[in-house]
């Protein structure tokens, strides 16, 4: 399985935009050229592991957050995301969300067979 550089670039862009950073700012923090970051975000170039690590460190992100969709085993990232989404929910909201998840899971499994 090869790396999906389009997905990696999109994820880097999403994380950067969540911080309201420009490409220039992230590039400076990561020690790369802004044009290189632009190419990475558009998947116009493949990035090296050292560059990926520098970008992850600059974003205060983990590598698995960035390459999540490329990992065969990525449950821990999903759990973290779900925990973050549910952190401010009331008990009633948690119950309703749990019921929606169960229903959605049932529908997906019954229609994808």
C-alpha atoms as a PDB file:
ATOM      1  CA  UNK A   1       0.000   0.000   0.000  1.00  0.00           C
ATOM      2  CA  UNK A   2       1.487   3.323  -1.057  1.00  0.00           C
ATOM      3  CA  UNK A   3       1.047   6.637   0.656  1.00  0.00           C
ATOM      4  CA  UNK A   4      -1.808   8.845  -0.495  1.00  0.00           C
ATOM      5  CA  UNK A   5      -0.027  12.185  -0.738  1.00  0.00           C
ATOM      6  CA  UNK A   6      -3.278  13.967  -1.623  1.00  0.00           C
ATOM      7  CA  UNK A   7      -4.795  12.947   1.707  1.00  0.00           C
ATOM      8  CA  UNK A   8      -1.612  13.811   3.591  1.00  0.00           C
ATOM      9  CA  UNK A   9      -1.491  17.249   1.973  1.00  0.00           C
ATOM     10  CA  UNK A  10      -5.157  17.888   2.758  1.00  0.00           C
ATOM     11  CA  UNK A  11      -4.637  16.903   6.379  1.00  0.00           C
ATOM     12  CA  UNK A  12      -1.630  19.202   6.734  1.00  0.00           C
ATOM     13  CA  UNK A  13      -3.672  22.047   5.214  1.00  0.00           C
ATOM     14  CA  UNK A  14      -6.601  21.303   7.585  1.00  0.00           C
ATOM     15  CA  UNK A  15      -4.347  21.305  10.646  1.00  0.00           C
ATOM     16  CA  UNK A  16      -2.680  24.520   9.487  1.00  0.00           C
ATOM     17  CA  UNK A  17      -5.996  26.248   8.864  1.00  0.00           C
ATOM     18  CA  UNK A  18      -7.355  25.121  12.253  1.00  0.00           C
ATOM     19  CA  UNK A  19      -4.507  27.160  13.744  1.00  0.00           C
ATOM     20  CA  UNK A  20      -5.272  30.033  11.349  1.00  0.00           C
ATOM     21  CA  UNK A  21      -1.704  29.913  10.080  1.00  0.00           C
ATOM     22  CA  UNK A  22      -0.504  30.930   6.647  1.00  0.00           C
ATOM     23  CA  UNK A  23       1.606  28.593   4.565  1.00  0.00           C
ATOM     24  CA  UNK A  24       4.481  30.984   5.074  1.00  0.00           C
ATOM     25  CA  UNK A  25       4.189  30.797   8.861  1.00  0.00           C
ATOM     26  CA  UNK A  26       4.022  26.993   8.969  1.00  0.00           C
ATOM     27  CA  UNK A  27       6.866  26.699   6.481  1.00  0.00           C
ATOM     28  CA  UNK A  28       9.026  28.941   8.643  1.00  0.00           C
ATOM     29  CA  UNK A  29       8.215  26.923  11.781  1.00  0.00           C
ATOM     30  CA  UNK A  30       8.927  23.662   9.941  1.00  0.00           C
ATOM     31  CA  UNK A  31      12.139  24.938   8.379  1.00  0.00           C
ATOM     32  CA  UNK A  32      11.033  24.498   4.774  1.00  0.00           C
ATOM     33  CA  UNK A  33      10.356  26.809   1.869  1.00  0.00           C
ATOM     34  CA  UNK A  34       6.771  28.134   1.535  1.00  0.00           C
ATOM     35  CA  UNK A  35       6.688  26.917  -2.073  1.00  0.00           C
ATOM     36  CA  UNK A  36       7.613  23.422  -0.862  1.00  0.00           C
ATOM     37  CA  UNK A  37       4.759  23.478   1.654  1.00  0.00           C
ATOM     38  CA  UNK A  38       2.393  24.598  -1.084  1.00  0.00           C
ATOM     39  CA  UNK A  39       3.512  21.659  -3.241  1.00  0.00           C
ATOM     40  CA  UNK A  40       3.058  19.267  -0.303  1.00  0.00           C
ATOM     41  CA  UNK A  41      -0.463  20.515   0.458  1.00  0.00           C
ATOM     42  CA  UNK A  42      -1.412  20.097  -3.216  1.00  0.00           C
ATOM     43  CA  UNK A  43       0.337  16.711  -3.463  1.00  0.00           C
ATOM     44  CA  UNK A  44       2.468  18.088  -6.287  1.00  0.00           C
ATOM     45  CA  UNK A  45       5.522  16.619  -4.582  1.00  0.00           C
ATOM     46  CA  UNK A  46       6.264  13.742  -2.253  1.00  0.00           C
ATOM     47  CA  UNK A  47       7.595  14.687   1.133  1.00  0.00           C
ATOM     48  CA  UNK A  48      10.430  13.011   2.975  1.00  0.00           C
ATOM     49  CA  UNK A  49      10.084  11.572   6.449  1.00  0.00           C
ATOM     50  CA  UNK A  50      12.262  14.321   7.992  1.00  0.00           C
ATOM     51  CA  UNK A  51      10.065  16.983   6.352  1.00  0.00           C
ATOM     52  CA  UNK A  52       6.922  15.242   7.558  1.00  0.00           C
ATOM     53  CA  UNK A  53       8.312  15.094  11.096  1.00  0.00           C
ATOM     54  CA  UNK A  54       9.248  18.787  10.963  1.00  0.00           C
ATOM     55  CA  UNK A  55       5.743  19.710   9.797  1.00  0.00           C
ATOM     56  CA  UNK A  56       4.119  17.523  12.472  1.00  0.00           C
ATOM     57  CA  UNK A  57       6.290  19.071  15.180  1.00  0.00           C
ATOM     58  CA  UNK A  58       5.554  22.586  13.934  1.00  0.00           C
ATOM     59  CA  UNK A  59       1.812  21.823  13.988  1.00  0.00           C
ATOM     60  CA  UNK A  60       2.098  20.141  17.412  1.00  0.00           C
ATOM     61  CA  UNK A  61       0.517  17.086  15.790  1.00  0.00           C
ATOM     62  CA  UNK A  62       1.401  13.430  15.764  1.00  0.00           C
ATOM     63  CA  UNK A  63       2.466  11.670  12.606  1.00  0.00           C
ATOM     64  CA  UNK A  64      -0.531   9.383  12.815  1.00  0.00           C
ATOM     65  CA  UNK A  65      -2.852  12.410  12.844  1.00  0.00           C
ATOM     66  CA  UNK A  66      -1.360  13.428   9.522  1.00  0.00           C
ATOM     67  CA  UNK A  67      -1.093  10.022   7.837  1.00  0.00           C
ATOM     68  CA  UNK A  68      -4.194   8.572   9.546  1.00  0.00           C
ATOM     69  CA  UNK A  69      -5.977   7.518   6.349  1.00  0.00           C
ATOM     70  CA  UNK A  70      -2.855   5.709   5.152  1.00  0.00           C
ATOM     71  CA  UNK A  71      -2.582   3.501   8.255  1.00  0.00           C
ATOM     72  CA  UNK A  72      -3.963  -0.022   8.335  1.00  0.00           C
ATOM     73  CA  UNK A  73      -4.343   0.233  12.108  1.00  0.00           C
ATOM     74  CA  UNK A  74      -5.640   3.645  13.115  1.00  0.00           C
ATOM     75  CA  UNK A  75      -8.175   2.935  15.856  1.00  0.00           C
ATOM     76  CA  UNK A  76      -6.368   5.033  18.468  1.00  0.00           C
ATOM     77  CA  UNK A  77      -6.702   8.155  16.310  1.00  0.00           C
ATOM     78  CA  UNK A  78     -10.422   7.500  15.850  1.00  0.00           C
ATOM     79  CA  UNK A  79     -10.915   7.093  19.580  1.00  0.00           C
ATOM     80  CA  UNK A  80      -9.090  10.366  20.240  1.00  0.00           C
ATOM     81  CA  UNK A  81     -11.234  12.184  17.676  1.00  0.00           C
ATOM     82  CA  UNK A  82     -14.452  10.765  19.121  1.00  0.00           C
ATOM     83  CA  UNK A  83     -13.345  11.669  22.658  1.00  0.00           C
ATOM     84  CA  UNK A  84     -12.704  15.255  21.559  1.00  0.00           C
ATOM     85  CA  UNK A  85     -16.094  15.495  19.847  1.00  0.00           C
ATOM     86  CA  UNK A  86     -17.945  14.112  22.858  1.00  0.00           C
ATOM     87  CA  UNK A  87     -16.024  15.951  25.578  1.00  0.00           C
ATOM     88  CA  UNK A  88     -18.583  18.730  26.055  1.00  0.00           C
ATOM     89  CA  UNK A  89     -21.757  16.629  25.625  1.00  0.00           C
ATOM     90  CA  UNK A  90     -24.384  16.228  28.308  1.00  0.00           C
ATOM     91  CA  UNK A  91     -25.481  12.734  29.414  1.00  0.00           C
ATOM     92  CA  UNK A  92     -28.626  13.102  27.298  1.00  0.00           C
ATOM     93  CA  UNK A  93     -26.601  14.100  24.254  1.00  0.00           C
ATOM     94  CA  UNK A  94     -24.227  11.171  24.789  1.00  0.00           C
ATOM     95  CA  UNK A  95     -27.156   8.760  24.929  1.00  0.00           C
ATOM     96  CA  UNK A  96     -28.694  10.184  21.738  1.00  0.00           C
ATOM     97  CA  UNK A  97     -25.343  10.104  19.928  1.00  0.00           C
ATOM     98  CA  UNK A  98     -24.779   6.510  21.050  1.00  0.00           C
ATOM     99  CA  UNK A  99     -28.177   5.526  19.648  1.00  0.00           C
ATOM    100  CA  UNK A 100     -27.390   7.309  16.357  1.00  0.00           C
ATOM    101  CA  UNK A 101     -24.062   5.498  16.094  1.00  0.00           C
ATOM    102  CA  UNK A 102     -25.684   2.123  16.742  1.00  0.00           C
ATOM    103  CA  UNK A 103     -28.389   2.783  14.149  1.00  0.00           C
ATOM    104  CA  UNK A 104     -25.902   4.071  11.585  1.00  0.00           C
ATOM    105  CA  UNK A 105     -23.642   1.065  12.133  1.00  0.00           C
ATOM    106  CA  UNK A 106     -26.602  -1.300  11.678  1.00  0.00           C
ATOM    107  CA  UNK A 107     -27.713   0.443   8.465  1.00  0.00           C
ATOM    108  CA  UNK A 108     -24.199   0.476   7.029  1.00  0.00           C
ATOM    109  CA  UNK A 109     -23.650  -3.185   7.733  1.00  0.00           C
ATOM    110  CA  UNK A 110     -27.015  -4.243   6.346  1.00  0.00           C
ATOM    111  CA  UNK A 111     -26.656  -2.226   3.109  1.00  0.00           C
ATOM    112  CA  UNK A 112     -22.971  -2.990   2.443  1.00  0.00           C
ATOM    113  CA  UNK A 113     -23.400  -6.754   2.260  1.00  0.00           C
END
